[in-house]
Protein backbone atom coordinates (compact mmCIF):
# COMPACT_ATOMS: atom_id res chain seq x y z
CA UNK A 1 36.18 33.88 -48.96
CA UNK A 2 39.40 35.75 -47.02
CA UNK A 3 41.60 34.08 -50.14
CA UNK A 4 39.54 35.45 -52.99
CA UNK A 5 39.47 38.92 -51.41
CA UNK A 6 43.41 38.55 -51.01
CA UNK A 7 43.38 37.43 -54.37
CA UNK A 8 41.48 40.90 -55.38
CA UNK A 9 43.37 43.49 -53.26
CA UNK A 10 46.59 41.92 -54.46
CA UNK A 11 48.31 44.28 -56.47
CA UNK A 12 50.78 43.19 -59.64
CA UNK A 13 54.08 42.05 -58.71
CA UNK A 14 56.52 44.97 -60.03
CA UNK A 15 60.00 43.87 -61.99
CA UNK A 16 62.89 46.11 -60.94
CA UNK A 17 62.93 48.28 -57.98
CA UNK A 18 62.05 51.57 -59.75
CA UNK A 19 58.61 52.82 -59.57
CA UNK A 20 55.60 52.46 -61.85
CA UNK A 21 55.24 55.42 -64.31
CA UNK A 22 51.68 57.33 -63.94
CA UNK A 23 48.95 56.80 -61.30
CA UNK A 24 48.63 53.55 -59.89
CA UNK A 25 45.52 51.60 -60.65
CA UNK A 26 43.25 50.98 -57.51
CA UNK A 27 42.56 46.99 -56.83
CA UNK A 28 39.59 45.67 -58.77
CA UNK A 29 37.63 45.73 -55.35
CA UNK A 30 37.10 49.16 -54.75
CA UNK A 31 35.30 49.20 -57.98
CA UNK A 32 32.13 47.15 -55.83
CA UNK A 33 32.03 49.63 -52.96
CA UNK A 34 29.70 51.80 -53.97
CA UNK A 35 27.75 48.23 -55.39
CA UNK A 36 27.73 47.22 -51.66
CA UNK A 37 26.72 50.32 -49.90
CA UNK A 38 23.91 50.30 -52.00
CA UNK A 39 22.94 46.75 -51.40
CA UNK A 40 23.09 47.73 -47.49
CA UNK A 41 21.30 50.87 -47.58
CA UNK A 42 18.74 48.59 -49.29
CA UNK A 43 18.56 45.97 -46.83
CA UNK A 44 19.04 48.24 -43.63
CA UNK A 45 16.52 50.83 -44.57
CA UNK A 46 12.95 49.04 -44.62
CA UNK A 47 14.45 47.08 -41.65
CA UNK A 48 15.32 50.51 -39.56
CA UNK A 49 11.91 51.74 -40.42
CA UNK A 50 10.29 49.36 -39.43
CA UNK A 51 11.92 48.58 -35.62
CA UNK A 52 11.16 52.54 -35.49
CA UNK A 53 7.73 52.22 -36.00
CA UNK A 54 7.15 48.84 -34.07
CA UNK A 55 8.58 51.49 -31.14
CA UNK A 56 6.53 54.56 -31.93
CA UNK A 57 3.22 52.44 -32.66
CA UNK A 58 0.08 52.89 -30.21
CA UNK A 59 -0.89 49.54 -28.59
CA UNK A 60 -4.51 49.88 -28.04
CA UNK A 61 -7.26 47.80 -29.63
CA UNK A 62 -10.76 49.22 -29.21
CA UNK A 63 -13.82 47.27 -30.50
CA UNK A 64 -14.21 49.73 -33.10
CA UNK A 65 -10.01 49.35 -34.41
CA UNK A 66 -10.95 45.07 -34.61
CA UNK A 67 -14.17 45.45 -36.91
CA UNK A 68 -13.67 45.05 -40.44
CA UNK A 69 -13.72 48.07 -42.88
CA UNK A 70 -15.97 48.69 -45.79
CA UNK A 71 -16.09 52.17 -46.86
CA UNK A 72 -17.67 53.26 -43.91
CA UNK A 73 -20.98 50.55 -43.86
CA UNK A 74 -21.27 48.16 -41.33
CA UNK A 75 -20.22 44.75 -42.46
CA UNK A 76 -23.54 42.69 -42.94
CA UNK A 77 -23.69 38.89 -43.98
CA UNK A 78 -21.18 36.52 -44.85
CA UNK A 79 -17.62 37.50 -46.71
CA UNK A 80 -18.09 34.56 -48.98
CA UNK A 81 -21.04 35.35 -50.66
CA UNK A 82 -21.33 34.94 -54.58
CA UNK A 83 -20.79 38.10 -56.58
CA UNK A 84 -22.17 39.03 -59.85
CA UNK A 85 -20.35 37.64 -63.01
CA UNK A 86 -20.44 41.22 -64.32
CA UNK A 87 -17.93 42.25 -61.57
CA UNK A 88 -15.47 39.58 -63.40
CA UNK A 89 -16.36 40.70 -66.82
CA UNK A 90 -15.97 43.97 -66.02
CA UNK A 91 -12.46 43.30 -65.09
CA UNK A 92 -11.44 41.40 -68.06
CA UNK A 93 -12.35 43.94 -70.23
CA UNK A 94 -10.44 46.59 -68.01
CA UNK A 95 -7.80 44.41 -68.85
CA UNK A 96 -8.25 43.80 -72.38
CA UNK A 97 -8.31 47.67 -72.97
CA UNK A 98 -5.01 47.91 -70.61
CA UNK A 99 -2.72 45.48 -72.24
CA UNK A 100 -4.15 47.16 -75.48
CA UNK A 101 -2.72 50.87 -73.90
CA UNK A 102 0.59 48.73 -73.17
CA UNK A 103 0.98 47.84 -77.14
CA UNK A 104 0.25 51.39 -77.99
CA UNK A 105 3.06 53.08 -76.49
CA UNK A 106 6.10 51.72 -78.17
CA UNK A 107 3.84 51.71 -81.49
CA UNK A 108 3.48 55.68 -80.71
CA UNK A 109 7.27 56.07 -80.30
CA UNK A 110 9.00 54.71 -83.10
CA UNK A 111 5.68 55.44 -85.27
CA UNK A 112 7.71 57.47 -88.40
CA UNK A 113 10.09 54.50 -88.39
CA UNK A 114 7.35 51.84 -89.30
CA UNK A 115 5.33 54.33 -92.20
CA UNK A 116 2.47 52.81 -93.51
CA UNK A 117 3.19 49.11 -92.60
CA UNK A 118 3.08 50.44 -88.67
CA UNK A 119 -0.33 52.32 -89.55
CA UNK A 120 -1.98 49.32 -91.11
CA UNK A 121 -1.05 46.77 -88.16
CA UNK A 122 -1.91 49.29 -85.71
CA UNK A 123 -5.43 49.91 -87.44
CA UNK A 124 -6.12 46.17 -87.35
CA UNK A 125 -4.97 45.71 -83.99
CA UNK A 126 -7.14 48.69 -82.78
CA UNK A 127 -9.95 47.06 -85.23
CA UNK A 128 -9.97 43.90 -83.53
CA UNK A 129 -10.70 45.12 -80.12
CA UNK A 130 -13.10 47.34 -81.35
CA UNK A 131 -15.08 44.69 -82.64
CA UNK A 132 -14.49 42.86 -79.08
CA UNK A 133 -15.45 45.66 -77.66
CA UNK A 134 -19.05 46.24 -79.64
CA UNK A 135 -19.38 42.50 -78.97
CA UNK A 136 -19.63 42.83 -75.02
CA UNK A 137 -21.32 45.95 -75.45
CA UNK A 138 -24.30 44.15 -77.24
CA UNK A 139 -24.14 41.24 -75.30
CA UNK A 140 -25.04 43.44 -72.26
CA UNK A 141 -21.62 43.46 -70.82
CA UNK A 142 -21.21 46.53 -69.87
CA UNK A 143 -24.65 47.38 -68.34
CA UNK A 144 -24.54 47.85 -64.08
CA UNK A 145 -28.09 47.36 -63.51
């Protein structure tokens, strides 16, 4: 490591006794100083903040503090109870329409360059999703009660 550092800090040999014309370039290693500083700050900041929070925290654990919190309702029953499949269906529908939004943003940004082809492709994409949404609606997947 020290050999590599010595090679990076080495200045090119000069020929003759005359000084080099113009400003002298800094050794290549100096270009990495901002990156090293950023890395040190990125590593040290969380470590220091965690250490400070560990020093100033309250260490009093009362019965209420150790109870699980569920929206202000006292937990009753086993945590491993079965959930209705409707929770998962709603979650999957949310993901589908979230992904649709992700695909709409790039299309909206370059809409003027896509012209009619882009419009037709996006209408086809949205149409397929609307058919899926309509199917889920007809099957009662969006009925909560």
